[in-house]
PDB file of all heavy atoms in Angstrom:
ATOM      1  N   LEU A   1       3.480  -1.425  50.111  1.00  0.00           N
ATOM      2  CA  LEU A   1       4.160  -0.223  49.513  1.00  0.00           C
ATOM      3  C   LEU A   1       5.450   0.008  49.988  1.00  0.00           C
ATOM      4  O   LEU A   1       6.320   0.299  49.151  1.00  0.00           O
ATOM      5  CB  LEU A   1       3.174   0.985  49.730  1.00  0.00           C
ATOM      6  CG  LEU A   1       3.708   2.270  49.214  1.00  0.00           C
ATOM      7  CD1 LEU A   1       3.632   2.215  47.637  1.00  0.00           C
ATOM      8  CD2 LEU A   1       2.874   3.430  49.646  1.00  0.00           C
ATOM      9  N   GLN A   2       5.601  -0.154  51.262  1.00  0.00           N
ATOM     10  CA  GLN A   2       7.064   0.113  51.838  1.00  0.00           C
ATOM     11  C   GLN A   2       7.957  -1.004  51.308  1.00  0.00           C
ATOM     12  O   GLN A   2       9.168  -0.703  51.094  1.00  0.00           O
ATOM     13  CB  GLN A   2       6.975   0.107  53.408  1.00  0.00           C
ATOM     14  CG  GLN A   2       8.284   0.334  54.037  1.00  0.00           C
ATOM     15  CD  GLN A   2       8.240   0.399  55.597  1.00  0.00           C
ATOM     16  OE1 GLN A   2       7.212   0.377  56.071  1.00  0.00           O
ATOM     17  NE2 GLN A   2       9.454   0.363  56.211  1.00  0.00           N
ATOM     18  N   LYS A   3       7.450  -2.186  51.131  1.00  0.00           N
ATOM     19  CA  LYS A   3       8.336  -3.305  50.638  1.00  0.00           C
ATOM     20  C   LYS A   3       8.733  -2.925  49.210  1.00  0.00           C
ATOM     21  O   LYS A   3       9.850  -3.198  48.804  1.00  0.00           O
ATOM     22  CB  LYS A   3       7.537  -4.651  50.718  1.00  0.00           C
ATOM     23  CG  LYS A   3       7.360  -5.223  52.111  1.00  0.00           C
ATOM     24  CD  LYS A   3       8.761  -5.758  52.549  1.00  0.00           C
ATOM     25  CE  LYS A   3       8.572  -6.556  53.832  1.00  0.00           C
ATOM     26  NZ  LYS A   3       9.749  -7.192  54.304  1.00  0.00           N
ATOM     27  N   GLY A   4       7.751  -2.444  48.491  1.00  0.00           N
ATOM     28  CA  GLY A   4       7.952  -2.088  47.139  1.00  0.00           C
ATOM     29  C   GLY A   4       9.051  -1.017  46.992  1.00  0.00           C
ATOM     30  O   GLY A   4       9.930  -0.980  46.083  1.00  0.00           O
ATOM     31  N   ILE A   5       8.876   0.044  47.813  1.00  0.00           N
ATOM     32  CA  ILE A   5       9.951   1.119  47.768  1.00  0.00           C
ATOM     33  C   ILE A   5      11.290   0.631  48.164  1.00  0.00           C
ATOM     34  O   ILE A   5      12.285   1.048  47.580  1.00  0.00           O
ATOM     35  CB  ILE A   5       9.368   2.217  48.752  1.00  0.00           C
ATOM     36  CG1 ILE A   5       8.280   2.956  48.192  1.00  0.00           C
ATOM     37  CG2 ILE A   5      10.524   3.350  48.939  1.00  0.00           C
ATOM     38  CD1 ILE A   5       7.609   3.875  49.243  1.00  0.00           C
ATOM     39  N   TYR A   6      11.281  -0.352  49.109  1.00  0.00           N
ATOM     40  CA  TYR A   6      12.569  -0.882  49.592  1.00  0.00           C
ATOM     41  C   TYR A   6      13.283  -1.617  48.467  1.00  0.00           C
ATOM     42  O   TYR A   6      14.484  -1.564  48.246  1.00  0.00           O
ATOM     43  CB  TYR A   6      12.400  -1.795  50.779  1.00  0.00           C
ATOM     44  CG  TYR A   6      13.663  -2.495  51.222  1.00  0.00           C
ATOM     45  CD1 TYR A   6      14.662  -1.864  51.966  1.00  0.00           C
ATOM     46  CD2 TYR A   6      13.911  -3.832  50.913  1.00  0.00           C
ATOM     47  CE1 TYR A   6      15.864  -2.554  52.448  1.00  0.00           C
ATOM     48  CE2 TYR A   6      15.002  -4.434  51.323  1.00  0.00           C
ATOM     49  CZ  TYR A   6      15.932  -3.862  52.048  1.00  0.00           C
ATOM     50  OH  TYR A   6      17.133  -4.473  52.425  1.00  0.00           O
ATOM     51  N   CYS A   7      12.504  -2.374  47.711  1.00  0.00           N
ATOM     52  CA  CYS A   7      13.052  -3.197  46.504  1.00  0.00           C
ATOM     53  C   CYS A   7      13.364  -2.404  45.301  1.00  0.00           C
ATOM     54  O   CYS A   7      14.284  -2.774  44.643  1.00  0.00           O
ATOM     55  CB  CYS A   7      12.133  -4.341  46.301  1.00  0.00           C
ATOM     56  SG  CYS A   7      11.861  -5.596  47.669  1.00  0.00           S
ATOM     57  N   LEU A   8      12.483  -1.517  44.924  1.00  0.00           N
ATOM     58  CA  LEU A   8      12.505  -0.690  43.641  1.00  0.00           C
ATOM     59  C   LEU A   8      12.775   0.695  43.656  1.00  0.00           C
ATOM     60  O   LEU A   8      13.196   1.267  42.657  1.00  0.00           O
ATOM     61  CB  LEU A   8      11.152  -1.021  42.862  1.00  0.00           C
ATOM     62  CG  LEU A   8      10.594  -2.393  42.648  1.00  0.00           C
ATOM     63  CD1 LEU A   8       9.290  -2.510  42.069  1.00  0.00           C
ATOM     64  CD2 LEU A   8      11.682  -3.190  41.717  1.00  0.00           C
ATOM     65  N   GLY A   9      12.645   1.344  44.851  1.00  0.00           N
ATOM     66  CA  GLY A   9      12.761   2.816  44.930  1.00  0.00           C
ATOM     67  C   GLY A   9      11.464   3.402  44.731  1.00  0.00           C
ATOM     68  O   GLY A   9      10.498   2.773  44.154  1.00  0.00           O
ATOM     69  N   ALA A  10      11.394   4.706  44.988  1.00  0.00           N
ATOM     70  CA  ALA A  10      10.074   5.495  45.056  1.00  0.00           C
ATOM     71  C   ALA A  10       9.503   5.598  43.554  1.00  0.00           C
ATOM     72  O   ALA A  10       8.382   5.409  43.405  1.00  0.00           O
ATOM     73  CB  ALA A  10      10.288   6.781  45.683  1.00  0.00           C
ATOM     74  N   SER A  11      10.394   5.955  42.639  1.00  0.00           N
ATOM     75  CA  SER A  11       9.914   6.224  41.279  1.00  0.00           C
ATOM     76  C   SER A  11       9.269   5.087  40.618  1.00  0.00           C
ATOM     77  O   SER A  11       8.214   5.144  40.081  1.00  0.00           O
ATOM     78  CB  SER A  11      11.087   6.764  40.426  1.00  0.00           C
ATOM     79  OG  SER A  11      11.558   8.060  40.918  1.00  0.00           O
ATOM     80  N   LEU A  12       9.987   3.944  40.661  1.00  0.00           N
ATOM     81  CA  LEU A  12       9.418   2.708  40.048  1.00  0.00           C
ATOM     82  C   LEU A  12       8.159   2.215  40.748  1.00  0.00           C
ATOM     83  O   LEU A  12       7.189   1.837  40.088  1.00  0.00           O
ATOM     84  CB  LEU A  12      10.447   1.563  40.033  1.00  0.00           C
ATOM     85  CG  LEU A  12      11.780   1.868  39.129  1.00  0.00           C
ATOM     86  CD1 LEU A  12      12.636   0.650  39.112  1.00  0.00           C
ATOM     87  CD2 LEU A  12      11.353   2.166  37.711  1.00  0.00           C
ATOM     88  N   THR A  13       8.187   2.278  42.052  1.00  0.00           N
ATOM     89  CA  THR A  13       7.079   1.867  42.848  1.00  0.00           C
ATOM     90  C   THR A  13       5.725   2.743  42.514  1.00  0.00           C
ATOM     91  O   THR A  13       4.621   2.272  42.413  1.00  0.00           O
ATOM     92  CB  THR A  13       7.366   1.963  44.294  1.00  0.00           C
ATOM     93  OG1 THR A  13       8.496   1.177  44.628  1.00  0.00           O
ATOM     94  CG2 THR A  13       6.153   1.371  45.097  1.00  0.00           C
ATOM     95  N   ALA A  14       6.073   3.955  42.324  1.00  0.00           N
ATOM     96  CA  ALA A  14       4.986   4.874  42.070  1.00  0.00           C
ATOM     97  C   ALA A  14       4.420   4.658  40.704  1.00  0.00           C
ATOM     98  O   ALA A  14       3.079   4.674  40.536  1.00  0.00           O
ATOM     99  CB  ALA A  14       5.508   6.440  42.090  1.00  0.00           C
ATOM    100  N   ILE A  15       5.109   4.450  39.690  1.00  0.00           N
ATOM    101  CA  ILE A  15       4.717   4.127  38.323  1.00  0.00           C
ATOM    102  C   ILE A  15       3.890   2.799  38.419  1.00  0.00           C
ATOM    103  O   ILE A  15       2.768   2.665  37.813  1.00  0.00           O
ATOM    104  CB  ILE A  15       5.839   4.078  37.390  1.00  0.00           C
ATOM    105  CG1 ILE A  15       6.466   5.422  37.239  1.00  0.00           C
ATOM    106  CG2 ILE A  15       5.353   3.667  36.012  1.00  0.00           C
ATOM    107  CD1 ILE A  15       7.718   5.367  36.399  1.00  0.00           C
ATOM    108  N   LEU A  16       4.426   1.790  39.072  1.00  0.00           N
ATOM    109  CA  LEU A  16       3.701   0.567  39.090  1.00  0.00           C
ATOM    110  C   LEU A  16       2.449   0.685  39.917  1.00  0.00           C
ATOM    111  O   LEU A  16       1.405  -0.172  39.581  1.00  0.00           O
ATOM    112  CB  LEU A  16       4.609  -0.539  39.834  1.00  0.00           C
ATOM    113  CG  LEU A  16       5.765  -1.069  39.013  1.00  0.00           C
ATOM    114  CD1 LEU A  16       6.738  -1.933  39.706  1.00  0.00           C
ATOM    115  CD2 LEU A  16       5.362  -1.823  37.704  1.00  0.00           C
ATOM    116  N   SER A  17       2.337   1.525  40.907  1.00  0.00           N
ATOM    117  CA  SER A  17       1.110   1.615  41.642  1.00  0.00           C
ATOM    118  C   SER A  17      -0.055   2.165  40.805  1.00  0.00           C
ATOM    119  O   SER A  17      -1.219   2.266  41.343  1.00  0.00           O
ATOM    120  CB  SER A  17       1.318   2.411  42.901  1.00  0.00           C
ATOM    121  OG  SER A  17       1.618   3.736  42.514  1.00  0.00           O
ATOM    122  N   THR A  18       0.103   2.641  39.633  1.00  0.00           N
ATOM    123  CA  THR A  18      -0.990   3.137  38.806  1.00  0.00           C
ATOM    124  C   THR A  18      -1.849   2.093  38.316  1.00  0.00           C
ATOM    125  O   THR A  18      -2.791   2.390  37.734  1.00  0.00           O
ATOM    126  CB  THR A  18      -0.375   3.967  37.453  1.00  0.00           C
ATOM    127  OG1 THR A  18       0.551   3.130  36.934  1.00  0.00           O
ATOM    128  CG2 THR A  18       0.340   5.311  37.972  1.00  0.00           C
ATOM    129  N   LEU A  19      -1.512   0.908  38.653  1.00  0.00           N
ATOM    130  CA  LEU A  19      -2.451  -0.272  38.370  1.00  0.00           C
ATOM    131  C   LEU A  19      -3.647  -0.196  39.211  1.00  0.00           C
ATOM    132  O   LEU A  19      -4.710  -0.914  39.038  1.00  0.00           O
ATOM    133  CB  LEU A  19      -1.750  -1.645  38.666  1.00  0.00           C
ATOM    134  CG  LEU A  19      -0.773  -2.120  37.613  1.00  0.00           C
ATOM    135  CD1 LEU A  19       0.058  -3.287  38.064  1.00  0.00           C
ATOM    136  CD2 LEU A  19      -1.368  -2.500  36.337  1.00  0.00           C
ATOM    137  N   GLU A  20      -3.597   0.589  40.370  1.00  0.00           N
ATOM    138  CA  GLU A  20      -4.745   0.763  41.244  1.00  0.00           C
ATOM    139  C   GLU A  20      -5.998   1.244  40.642  1.00  0.00           C
ATOM    140  O   GLU A  20      -7.088   0.656  40.845  1.00  0.00           O
ATOM    141  CB  GLU A  20      -4.396   1.616  42.368  1.00  0.00           C
ATOM    142  CG  GLU A  20      -5.493   1.527  43.542  1.00  0.00           C
ATOM    143  CD  GLU A  20      -5.087   2.325  44.770  1.00  0.00           C
ATOM    144  OE1 GLU A  20      -3.917   2.409  45.085  1.00  0.00           O
ATOM    145  OE2 GLU A  20      -6.045   2.886  45.351  1.00  0.00           O
ATOM    146  N   PRO A  21      -6.045   2.260  39.736  1.00  0.00           N
ATOM    147  CA  PRO A  21      -7.271   2.563  39.106  1.00  0.00           C
ATOM    148  C   PRO A  21      -7.943   1.528  38.217  1.00  0.00           C
ATOM    149  O   PRO A  21      -9.077   1.391  38.083  1.00  0.00           O
ATOM    150  CB  PRO A  21      -6.819   3.774  38.146  1.00  0.00           C
ATOM    151  CG  PRO A  21      -5.705   4.403  38.789  1.00  0.00           C
ATOM    152  CD  PRO A  21      -4.907   3.155  39.473  1.00  0.00           C
ATOM    153  N   ILE A  22      -7.098   0.680  37.648  1.00  0.00           N
ATOM    154  CA  ILE A  22      -7.599  -0.426  36.908  1.00  0.00           C
ATOM    155  C   ILE A  22      -8.314  -1.508  37.782  1.00  0.00           C
ATOM    156  O   ILE A  22      -9.320  -2.018  37.513  1.00  0.00           O
ATOM    157  CB  ILE A  22      -6.407  -1.204  36.184  1.00  0.00           C
ATOM    158  CG1 ILE A  22      -5.843  -0.305  35.047  1.00  0.00           C
ATOM    159  CG2 ILE A  22      -6.982  -2.440  35.442  1.00  0.00           C
ATOM    160  CD1 ILE A  22      -4.683  -0.952  34.277  1.00  0.00           C
ATOM    161  N   THR A  23      -7.722  -1.630  38.971  1.00  0.00           N
ATOM    162  CA  THR A  23      -8.355  -2.486  39.964  1.00  0.00           C
ATOM    163  C   THR A  23      -9.778  -1.958  40.343  1.00  0.00           C
ATOM    164  O   THR A  23     -10.707  -2.752  40.468  1.00  0.00           O
ATOM    165  CB  THR A  23      -7.538  -2.669  41.288  1.00  0.00           C
ATOM    166  OG1 THR A  23      -6.181  -3.138  40.877  1.00  0.00           O
ATOM    167  CG2 THR A  23      -8.069  -3.609  42.281  1.00  0.00           C
ATOM    168  N   SER A  24      -9.824  -0.730  40.523  1.00  0.00           N
ATOM    169  CA  SER A  24     -11.085  -0.105  40.858  1.00  0.00           C
ATOM    170  C   SER A  24     -12.116  -0.222  39.828  1.00  0.00           C
ATOM    171  O   SER A  24     -13.321  -0.387  40.033  1.00  0.00           O
ATOM    172  CB  SER A  24     -10.940   1.414  41.266  1.00  0.00           C
ATOM    173  OG  SER A  24     -10.453   2.223  40.077  1.00  0.00           O
ATOM    174  N   ILE A  25     -11.700  -0.175  38.503  1.00  0.00           N
ATOM    175  CA  ILE A  25     -12.542  -0.302  37.404  1.00  0.00           C
ATOM    176  C   ILE A  25     -13.146  -1.782  37.292  1.00  0.00           C
ATOM    177  O   ILE A  25     -14.328  -1.953  37.167  1.00  0.00           O
ATOM    178  CB  ILE A  25     -11.784   0.047  36.047  1.00  0.00           C
ATOM    179  CG1 ILE A  25     -11.489   1.515  35.922  1.00  0.00           C
ATOM    180  CG2 ILE A  25     -12.685  -0.410  34.827  1.00  0.00           C
ATOM    181  CD1 ILE A  25     -12.613   2.469  35.838  1.00  0.00           C
ATOM    182  N   VAL A  26     -12.131  -2.743  37.488  1.00  0.00           N
ATOM    183  CA  VAL A  26     -12.654  -4.110  37.477  1.00  0.00           C
ATOM    184  C   VAL A  26     -13.635  -4.386  38.511  1.00  0.00           C
ATOM    185  O   VAL A  26     -14.628  -4.988  38.405  1.00  0.00           O
ATOM    186  CB  VAL A  26     -11.364  -5.023  37.574  1.00  0.00           C
ATOM    187  CG1 VAL A  26     -11.806  -6.509  37.800  1.00  0.00           C
ATOM    188  CG2 VAL A  26     -10.444  -4.905  36.388  1.00  0.00           C
ATOM    189  N   VAL A  27     -13.327  -3.933  39.841  1.00  0.00           N
ATOM    190  CA  VAL A  27     -14.143  -4.092  40.854  1.00  0.00           C
ATOM    191  C   VAL A  27     -15.575  -3.412  40.694  1.00  0.00           C
ATOM    192  O   VAL A  27     -16.661  -4.061  40.941  1.00  0.00           O
ATOM    193  CB  VAL A  27     -13.587  -3.612  42.237  1.00  0.00           C
ATOM    194  CG1 VAL A  27     -14.593  -3.651  43.296  1.00  0.00           C
ATOM    195  CG2 VAL A  27     -12.312  -4.405  42.651  1.00  0.00           C
ATOM    196  N   GLY A  28     -15.505  -2.245  40.152  1.00  0.00           N
ATOM    197  CA  GLY A  28     -16.789  -1.594  39.830  1.00  0.00           C
ATOM    198  C   GLY A  28     -17.615  -2.280  38.819  1.00  0.00           C
ATOM    199  O   GLY A  28     -18.872  -2.358  38.987  1.00  0.00           O
ATOM    200  N   VAL A  29     -17.043  -2.815  37.819  1.00  0.00           N
ATOM    201  CA  VAL A  29     -17.783  -3.604  36.747  1.00  0.00           C
ATOM    202  C   VAL A  29     -18.317  -4.919  37.264  1.00  0.00           C
ATOM    203  O   VAL A  29     -19.476  -5.245  37.030  1.00  0.00           O
ATOM    204  CB  VAL A  29     -16.870  -3.975  35.578  1.00  0.00           C
ATOM    205  CG1 VAL A  29     -17.516  -4.948  34.564  1.00  0.00           C
ATOM    206  CG2 VAL A  29     -16.492  -2.622  34.826  1.00  0.00           C
ATOM    207  N   ILE A  30     -17.507  -5.635  38.201  1.00  0.00           N
ATOM    208  CA  ILE A  30     -18.012  -6.993  38.591  1.00  0.00           C
ATOM    209  C   ILE A  30     -19.047  -6.730  39.758  1.00  0.00           C
ATOM    210  O   ILE A  30     -20.063  -7.469  39.614  1.00  0.00           O
ATOM    211  CB  ILE A  30     -16.813  -7.696  39.164  1.00  0.00           C
ATOM    212  CG1 ILE A  30     -15.751  -8.032  37.932  1.00  0.00           C
ATOM    213  CG2 ILE A  30     -17.218  -9.007  39.785  1.00  0.00           C
ATOM    214  CD1 ILE A  30     -14.603  -8.761  38.487  1.00  0.00           C
TER     215      ILE A  30
END
């Protein structure tokens, strides 16, 4: 996360991190 903020800034990193709920859905299904 810190690497992402360093490269992209807080706003872009925060939006991209919304992929996490999808990961939880995939893990829950599998």
